[in-house]
Structure formats: C-alpha cells, structure tokens
Protein backbone atom coordinates (compact mmCIF):
# COMPACT_ATOMS: atom_id res chain seq x y z
CA MET A 1 -61.71 17.62 4.03
CA ARG A 2 -61.22 17.78 0.27
CA VAL A 3 -62.52 20.84 -1.59
CA ASP A 4 -64.64 20.05 -4.63
CA PRO A 5 -62.52 21.22 -7.60
CA THR A 6 -65.57 23.00 -9.03
CA HIS A 7 -65.58 25.17 -5.87
CA GLY A 8 -61.88 25.98 -5.70
CA LYS A 9 -58.40 24.94 -6.77
CA CYS A 10 -54.85 25.65 -5.66
CA ARG A 11 -53.82 29.18 -6.52
CA SER A 12 -50.29 28.01 -7.32
CA CYS A 13 -50.83 25.01 -9.58
CA GLY A 14 -54.60 24.49 -9.99
CA GLY A 15 -54.48 21.25 -8.01
CA VAL A 16 -56.94 19.78 -5.52
CA LEU A 17 -57.12 21.43 -2.10
CA GLU A 18 -57.49 19.78 1.28
CA ILE A 19 -58.76 21.82 4.24
CA VAL A 20 -56.48 20.90 7.12
CA GLU A 21 -57.55 23.28 9.89
CA VAL A 22 -60.10 26.01 10.63
CA ASP A 23 -60.63 28.70 13.21
CA ASP A 24 -63.22 31.44 13.72
CA ALA A 25 -62.03 33.50 10.75
CA THR A 26 -59.93 31.36 8.40
CA MET A 27 -59.38 27.93 6.91
CA SER A 28 -55.92 26.49 6.27
CA VAL A 29 -55.67 24.63 2.99
CA GLU A 30 -52.97 22.47 1.45
CA CYS A 31 -52.62 21.39 -2.16
CA GLU A 32 -52.51 17.63 -2.69
CA GLU A 33 -50.37 18.08 -5.79
CA CYS A 34 -47.74 20.78 -5.15
CA GLY A 35 -47.90 20.92 -1.33
CA ASP A 36 -48.48 24.68 -1.19
CA SER A 37 -50.38 25.72 1.93
CA TYR A 38 -52.08 28.98 2.83
CA GLU A 39 -55.04 30.47 4.68
CA VAL A 40 -58.32 31.47 3.06
CA GLU A 41 -61.49 33.11 4.37
CA THR A 42 -64.35 30.91 5.57
CA ASP A 43 -66.38 31.67 2.43
CA ALA A 44 -63.48 31.36 -0.03
CA PHE A 45 -65.15 28.62 -2.07
CA ASP A 46 -68.33 30.52 -2.98
CA ASP A 47 -70.39 28.48 -0.54
CA GLY A 48 -71.31 31.40 1.70
CA GLY A 49 -69.36 29.71 4.48
CA ILE A 50 -72.04 27.04 4.98
CA ILE A 51 -70.49 23.86 3.54
CA TYR A 52 -66.80 23.51 4.37
CA TRP A 53 -66.26 25.73 7.40
CA PRO A 54 -69.05 24.32 9.65
CA ALA A 55 -68.19 20.73 8.76
CA MET A 56 -64.52 21.28 9.60
CA MET A 57 -65.37 23.11 12.84
CA ALA A 58 -67.51 20.16 13.90
CA ALA A 59 -64.81 17.65 12.92
CA GLN A 60 -62.21 19.52 15.00
CA GLU A 61 -64.51 19.37 18.02
CA GLU A 62 -64.70 15.56 17.77
CA VAL A 63 -61.26 14.98 19.22
CA PRO A 64 -61.08 11.55 20.89
CA GLU A 65 -60.18 11.56 24.57
C-alpha cells in the first residue's frame, strides 16, 4: 500500500513509501525511489493508526488458499 506523500515520505531521500508488511505494533515500509526499508509505528503517518494499519492488516488476512 502506497503512503500518500502528504502523510509521510522516506526519511533517507524524501521519496514515496510503500507499506510492505504490518504486525500488531509496527509497519514495515520501503522507499520506491532509494530502496531504503525500515519499521515505523502504526500511527507514524499522523493518521492515528486508522487509515494504513487496519487496511494492511486486513489485506494480510486475505491470503488465498
């Protein structure tokens, strides 16, 4: 899931972030431009943890059998 650049950008280069994985406490992000990856808290993008984290948790649950 791509992070809206107005909500957050890569801390290394300012590029666009993609959320690649989440768990109960963190989200793993990767920059589409420089490839840097790191973990952030579930509310890292000033959304109170209600936009990105729940959507990614739901998407991870929809694993095809």
